[in-house]
């Protein structure tokens, strides 16, 4: 029993990082059960148990683990939302921008900055240097997220279409739909690559980390847009916050048409 417990602990140490991530938990649990069954089979064999006993025990451990996990997931996991993002009904955060959105416009929140999309869209409100990031497409009463992401060699790292990850050249990328109003693309560190929340029919919040070849990375958070620096094992260091509270107006598909800044601030929507 001590030997089996030791093997179980070793298997748990090997698999524990993936066991805590919902998207990889099933495969990790099956790996844990397989390692444990091999260890149990070895312990029983070296102690002279008959093969008629060893083989059923070895097969029973992963089979029972998979069955329990499958039934539990079926009973306890709610179905994931699919399709277009649905407006959640949250109010648009207040803004000091002089330009006010008209009926049918879409206000895109990027840090403390605002981009007002005029007309039906689609809109690409943010460029990381010259690389486009997220494209928002209105779909009936919902919203679709599309676009490509790039790595630090300027190669395409992923492609998104209609709120689905269609291609991923970087290991560990996965999508989440925590509710019907939110789309999230996560990396292998479970950090946001893209976050889009459809607040109401006239507003959407965007966050994420965007790369464009050897250019400075652009990291969008609720409180600011930060550029430069680097990331070491999921930890961002040496970043610089850009000027905030910048307002811009844009037409369908194109760059911002007009900029205005509250008070005496002068600057450009960064980056655009």
Protein backbone atom coordinates (compact mmCIF):
# COMPACT_ATOMS: atom_id res chain seq x y z
CA UNK A 1 0.00 0.00 0.00
CA UNK A 2 2.89 2.38 0.72
CA UNK A 3 4.37 1.65 -2.71
CA UNK A 4 1.04 2.29 -4.44
CA UNK A 5 0.59 5.52 -2.47
CA UNK A 6 4.06 6.66 -3.56
CA UNK A 7 3.29 5.97 -7.22
CA UNK A 8 -0.04 7.79 -6.87
CA UNK A 9 1.75 10.84 -5.45
CA UNK A 10 4.29 10.76 -8.29
CA UNK A 11 1.52 10.57 -10.92
CA UNK A 12 -0.30 13.44 -9.22
CA UNK A 13 2.84 15.61 -9.31
CA UNK A 14 3.23 14.88 -13.03
CA UNK A 15 -0.40 15.72 -13.90
CA UNK A 16 -1.41 18.34 -11.32
CA UNK A 17 -0.89 21.42 -13.54
CA UNK A 18 -3.35 20.14 -16.11
CA UNK A 19 -5.78 18.76 -13.52
CA UNK A 20 -6.62 22.29 -12.31
CA UNK A 21 -7.38 23.59 -15.84
CA UNK A 22 -10.94 22.68 -16.88
CA UNK A 23 -10.07 22.36 -20.58
CA UNK A 24 -7.30 19.77 -19.96
CA UNK A 25 -8.71 18.09 -16.85
CA UNK A 26 -10.17 15.08 -18.66
CA UNK A 27 -6.96 14.13 -20.47
CA UNK A 28 -4.87 14.78 -17.35
CA UNK A 29 -7.15 12.61 -15.22
CA UNK A 30 -6.93 9.78 -17.73
CA UNK A 31 -3.13 10.12 -17.72
CA UNK A 32 -3.10 10.01 -13.92
CA UNK A 33 -5.29 6.89 -13.90
CA UNK A 34 -3.09 5.18 -16.51
CA UNK A 35 0.12 5.87 -14.58
CA UNK A 36 -1.50 4.65 -11.37
CA UNK A 37 -2.81 1.46 -12.98
CA UNK A 38 0.65 0.61 -14.35
CA UNK A 39 2.15 1.20 -10.91
CA UNK A 40 -0.46 -0.97 -9.22
CA UNK A 41 0.09 -3.72 -11.80
CA UNK A 42 3.83 -3.62 -11.15
CA UNK A 43 3.41 -3.78 -7.38
CA UNK A 44 1.01 -6.71 -7.63
CA UNK A 45 3.24 -8.57 -10.11
CA UNK A 46 6.45 -8.32 -8.07
CA UNK A 47 4.58 -9.63 -5.04
CA UNK A 48 3.50 -12.77 -6.83
CA UNK A 49 -0.19 -12.07 -7.48
CA UNK A 50 -1.65 -14.20 -10.26
CA UNK A 51 -2.07 -12.53 -13.66
CA UNK A 52 -5.78 -13.39 -13.49
CA UNK A 53 -5.98 -10.76 -10.72
CA UNK A 54 -3.43 -8.26 -12.00
CA UNK A 55 -4.85 -7.58 -15.47
CA UNK A 56 -8.46 -6.86 -14.35
CA UNK A 57 -7.19 -4.46 -11.67
CA UNK A 58 -4.93 -2.65 -14.16
CA UNK A 59 -7.81 -2.21 -16.62
CA UNK A 60 -10.38 -1.36 -13.97
CA UNK A 61 -8.59 1.75 -12.64
CA UNK A 62 -8.64 3.90 -15.85
CA UNK A 63 -12.06 2.50 -16.83
CA UNK A 64 -13.60 3.44 -13.48
CA UNK A 65 -11.89 6.85 -13.46
CA UNK A 66 -13.08 7.69 -16.98
CA UNK A 67 -16.62 6.54 -16.22
CA UNK A 68 -16.87 8.57 -13.01
CA UNK A 69 -15.43 11.67 -14.71
CA UNK A 70 -17.73 11.32 -17.72
CA UNK A 71 -20.88 10.88 -15.64
CA UNK A 72 -19.88 13.72 -13.30
CA UNK A 73 -19.18 16.09 -16.21
CA UNK A 74 -22.49 15.21 -17.84
CA UNK A 75 -24.45 15.80 -14.64
CA UNK A 76 -22.62 18.85 -13.25
CA UNK A 77 -21.31 20.82 -16.25
CA UNK A 78 -23.81 23.20 -17.87
CA UNK A 79 -23.79 23.43 -21.67
CA UNK A 80 -21.39 26.07 -23.00
CA UNK A 81 -22.87 29.03 -24.87
CA UNK A 82 -22.25 29.09 -28.61
CA UNK A 83 -22.99 31.46 -31.45
CA UNK A 84 -23.09 35.24 -31.31
CA UNK A 85 -22.41 37.19 -28.12
CA UNK A 86 -25.62 38.43 -26.54
CA UNK A 87 -25.76 41.88 -24.92
CA UNK A 88 -25.64 41.42 -21.14
CA UNK A 89 -27.62 44.56 -20.31
CA UNK A 90 -24.80 46.26 -18.37
CA UNK A 91 -24.62 50.08 -18.57
CA UNK A 92 -21.91 51.79 -20.60
CA UNK A 93 -19.25 53.20 -18.22
CA UNK A 94 -19.21 57.02 -18.10
CA UNK A 95 -16.78 58.88 -20.36
CA UNK A 96 -15.44 62.43 -20.65
CA UNK A 97 -15.39 62.26 -24.45
CA UNK A 98 -16.99 65.24 -26.21
CA UNK A 99 -18.19 63.01 -29.04
CA UNK A 100 -21.34 61.21 -27.96
CA UNK A 101 -22.49 58.01 -29.64
CA UNK A 102 -25.62 58.17 -31.75
CA UNK A 103 -28.26 55.49 -31.96
CA UNK A 104 -26.81 52.46 -33.71
CA UNK A 105 -23.17 53.32 -32.91
CA UNK A 106 -20.89 50.93 -31.04
CA UNK A 107 -18.66 52.22 -28.23
CA UNK A 108 -15.53 50.08 -27.87
CA UNK A 109 -13.76 50.34 -24.49
CA UNK A 110 -9.98 49.81 -24.59
CA UNK A 111 -8.47 50.57 -21.21
CA UNK A 112 -9.65 54.08 -20.36
CA UNK A 113 -9.86 54.96 -24.06
CA UNK A 114 -13.00 54.96 -26.20
CA UNK A 115 -13.51 54.29 -29.89
CA UNK A 116 -16.97 55.08 -31.27
CA UNK A 117 -17.81 52.99 -34.32
CA UNK A 118 -20.20 54.79 -36.64
CA UNK A 119 -22.67 52.68 -38.57
CA UNK A 120 -23.13 48.92 -38.76
CA UNK A 121 -19.44 47.93 -38.86
CA UNK A 122 -17.44 45.72 -38.94
CA UNK A 123 -14.88 47.49 -36.75
CA UNK A 124 -11.21 46.87 -35.99
CA UNK A 125 -10.62 49.44 -33.24
CA UNK A 126 -7.02 48.55 -32.36
CA UNK A 127 -3.81 48.01 -34.30
CA UNK A 128 -0.69 46.65 -32.62
CA UNK A 129 1.77 48.71 -34.65
CA UNK A 130 0.69 47.69 -38.19
CA UNK A 131 -0.95 44.37 -37.22
CA UNK A 132 -4.77 44.31 -36.94
CA UNK A 133 -6.12 42.71 -33.78
CA UNK A 134 -9.79 42.06 -33.04
CA UNK A 135 -12.55 42.60 -35.60
CA UNK A 136 -16.10 42.98 -34.31
CA UNK A 137 -18.97 42.00 -36.59
CA UNK A 138 -22.59 42.62 -35.69
CA UNK A 139 -24.73 39.58 -36.38
CA UNK A 140 -28.43 40.26 -36.04
CA UNK A 141 -28.87 41.11 -32.38
CA UNK A 142 -25.52 39.60 -31.43
CA UNK A 143 -21.80 40.18 -31.91
CA UNK A 144 -19.12 38.04 -33.55
CA UNK A 145 -15.38 38.17 -32.82
CA UNK A 146 -13.02 37.56 -35.74
CA UNK A 147 -9.39 38.18 -36.63
CA UNK A 148 -5.86 36.82 -36.65
CA UNK A 149 -3.14 37.03 -34.02
CA UNK A 150 0.58 37.18 -34.64
CA UNK A 151 3.67 36.06 -32.77
CA UNK A 152 7.03 37.79 -32.31
CA UNK A 153 8.23 36.52 -35.72
CA UNK A 154 5.20 38.10 -37.42
CA UNK A 155 3.79 34.67 -38.27
CA UNK A 156 0.09 33.98 -37.75
CA UNK A 157 -0.37 32.43 -34.30
CA UNK A 158 -4.13 31.88 -34.36
CA UNK A 159 -7.27 32.59 -36.32
CA UNK A 160 -10.75 33.32 -34.93
CA UNK A 161 -13.98 33.28 -36.88
CA UNK A 162 -17.54 33.58 -35.57
CA UNK A 163 -16.42 33.25 -31.93
CA UNK A 164 -14.53 30.03 -32.65
CA UNK A 165 -10.82 29.27 -32.63
CA UNK A 166 -10.35 27.96 -36.18
CA UNK A 167 -6.55 27.67 -36.21
CA UNK A 168 -3.87 27.68 -33.52
CA UNK A 169 -0.18 27.55 -34.34
CA UNK A 170 0.78 28.08 -30.67
CA UNK A 171 0.29 25.18 -28.21
CA UNK A 172 -2.04 25.72 -25.28
CA UNK A 173 -4.46 28.21 -26.84
CA UNK A 174 -8.09 27.59 -25.95
CA UNK A 175 -11.37 29.47 -25.93
CA UNK A 176 -13.86 29.94 -23.10
CA UNK A 177 -17.41 31.20 -23.03
CA UNK A 178 -18.06 31.83 -19.31
CA UNK A 179 -21.48 33.19 -20.28
CA UNK A 180 -23.42 34.09 -23.42
CA UNK A 181 -22.03 37.66 -23.45
CA UNK A 182 -18.30 36.92 -23.16
CA UNK A 183 -15.63 35.46 -25.44
CA UNK A 184 -12.17 34.66 -24.02
CA UNK A 185 -9.06 33.25 -25.69
CA UNK A 186 -6.52 31.96 -23.15
CA UNK A 187 -2.89 30.90 -23.55
CA UNK A 188 -0.97 28.08 -21.88
CA UNK A 189 -0.56 30.23 -18.73
CA UNK A 190 -4.37 30.71 -18.55
CA UNK A 191 -3.83 34.42 -19.27
CA UNK A 192 -6.04 36.44 -21.59
CA UNK A 193 -4.98 36.68 -25.22
CA UNK A 194 -8.37 38.17 -26.14
CA UNK A 195 -11.29 39.15 -23.91
CA UNK A 196 -14.48 40.59 -25.41
CA UNK A 197 -17.60 41.32 -23.35
CA UNK A 198 -20.74 42.62 -25.01
CA UNK A 199 -22.03 45.03 -22.38
CA UNK A 200 -25.13 46.25 -24.23
CA UNK A 201 -26.19 46.79 -27.86
CA UNK A 202 -24.11 49.98 -27.94
CA UNK A 203 -20.96 49.04 -26.00
CA UNK A 204 -18.29 46.35 -25.83
CA UNK A 205 -15.19 45.96 -23.64
CA UNK A 206 -11.94 44.61 -25.11
CA UNK A 207 -8.82 43.35 -23.36
CA UNK A 208 -5.89 41.24 -24.47
CA UNK A 209 -2.23 40.84 -25.32
CA UNK A 210 -1.26 41.52 -28.92
CA UNK A 211 2.07 40.90 -30.69
CA UNK A 212 3.30 42.06 -34.07
CA UNK A 213 6.71 40.68 -35.02
CA UNK A 214 9.66 42.40 -33.38
CA UNK A 215 7.55 45.44 -32.45
CA UNK A 216 6.57 46.23 -28.89
CA UNK A 217 3.80 44.11 -27.43
CA UNK A 218 0.50 45.82 -26.64
CA UNK A 219 -1.35 44.71 -23.50
CA UNK A 220 -4.87 46.09 -22.99
CA UNK A 221 -6.29 46.04 -19.47
CA UNK A 222 -9.33 47.75 -17.97
CA UNK A 223 -7.22 50.42 -16.29
CA UNK A 224 -4.70 51.16 -19.07
CA UNK A 225 -3.01 50.15 -22.32
CA UNK A 226 0.61 49.13 -21.72
CA UNK A 227 3.33 48.64 -24.29
CA UNK A 228 6.81 47.19 -24.48
CA UNK A 229 8.48 45.02 -21.90
CA UNK A 230 8.41 41.26 -22.07
CA UNK A 231 6.80 38.26 -20.41
CA UNK A 232 8.74 35.60 -18.52
CA UNK A 233 6.75 32.47 -17.64
CA UNK A 234 3.51 34.41 -17.53
CA UNK A 235 4.86 37.44 -15.61
CA UNK A 236 4.88 40.82 -17.39
CA UNK A 237 7.87 43.05 -16.64
CA UNK A 238 9.17 46.46 -17.72
CA UNK A 239 6.00 47.78 -19.39
CA UNK A 240 5.04 51.40 -19.98
CA UNK A 241 1.50 52.73 -19.67
CA UNK A 242 0.28 54.87 -22.56
CA UNK A 243 -1.68 58.09 -22.34
CA UNK A 244 -5.27 57.30 -21.36
CA UNK A 245 -8.69 58.90 -21.69
CA UNK A 246 -8.30 59.34 -25.45
CA UNK A 247 -11.36 59.36 -27.68
CA UNK A 248 -11.63 58.39 -31.34
CA UNK A 249 -14.34 57.93 -33.95
CA UNK A 250 -14.13 55.42 -36.78
CA UNK A 251 -16.13 54.26 -39.76
CA UNK A 252 -16.79 50.66 -40.84
CA UNK A 253 -13.64 48.62 -41.24
CA UNK A 254 -11.23 51.54 -41.36
CA UNK A 255 -8.92 53.46 -39.03
CA UNK A 256 -10.26 56.11 -36.64
CA UNK A 257 -11.64 59.08 -38.55
CA UNK A 258 -11.40 61.73 -35.89
CA UNK A 259 -9.78 62.15 -32.48
CA UNK A 260 -10.86 64.31 -29.58
CA UNK A 261 -9.45 64.56 -26.08
CA UNK A 262 -11.26 65.75 -22.95
CA UNK A 263 -9.98 68.88 -21.24
CA UNK A 264 -6.56 70.07 -22.39
CA UNK A 265 -5.18 66.61 -23.24
CA UNK A 266 -3.68 66.27 -26.68
CA UNK A 267 -2.69 62.97 -28.25
CA UNK A 268 -3.66 60.11 -30.45
CA UNK A 269 -5.59 56.99 -29.65
CA UNK A 270 -2.76 54.51 -29.04
CA UNK A 271 -2.07 52.60 -31.10
CA UNK A 272 -4.08 53.26 -34.25
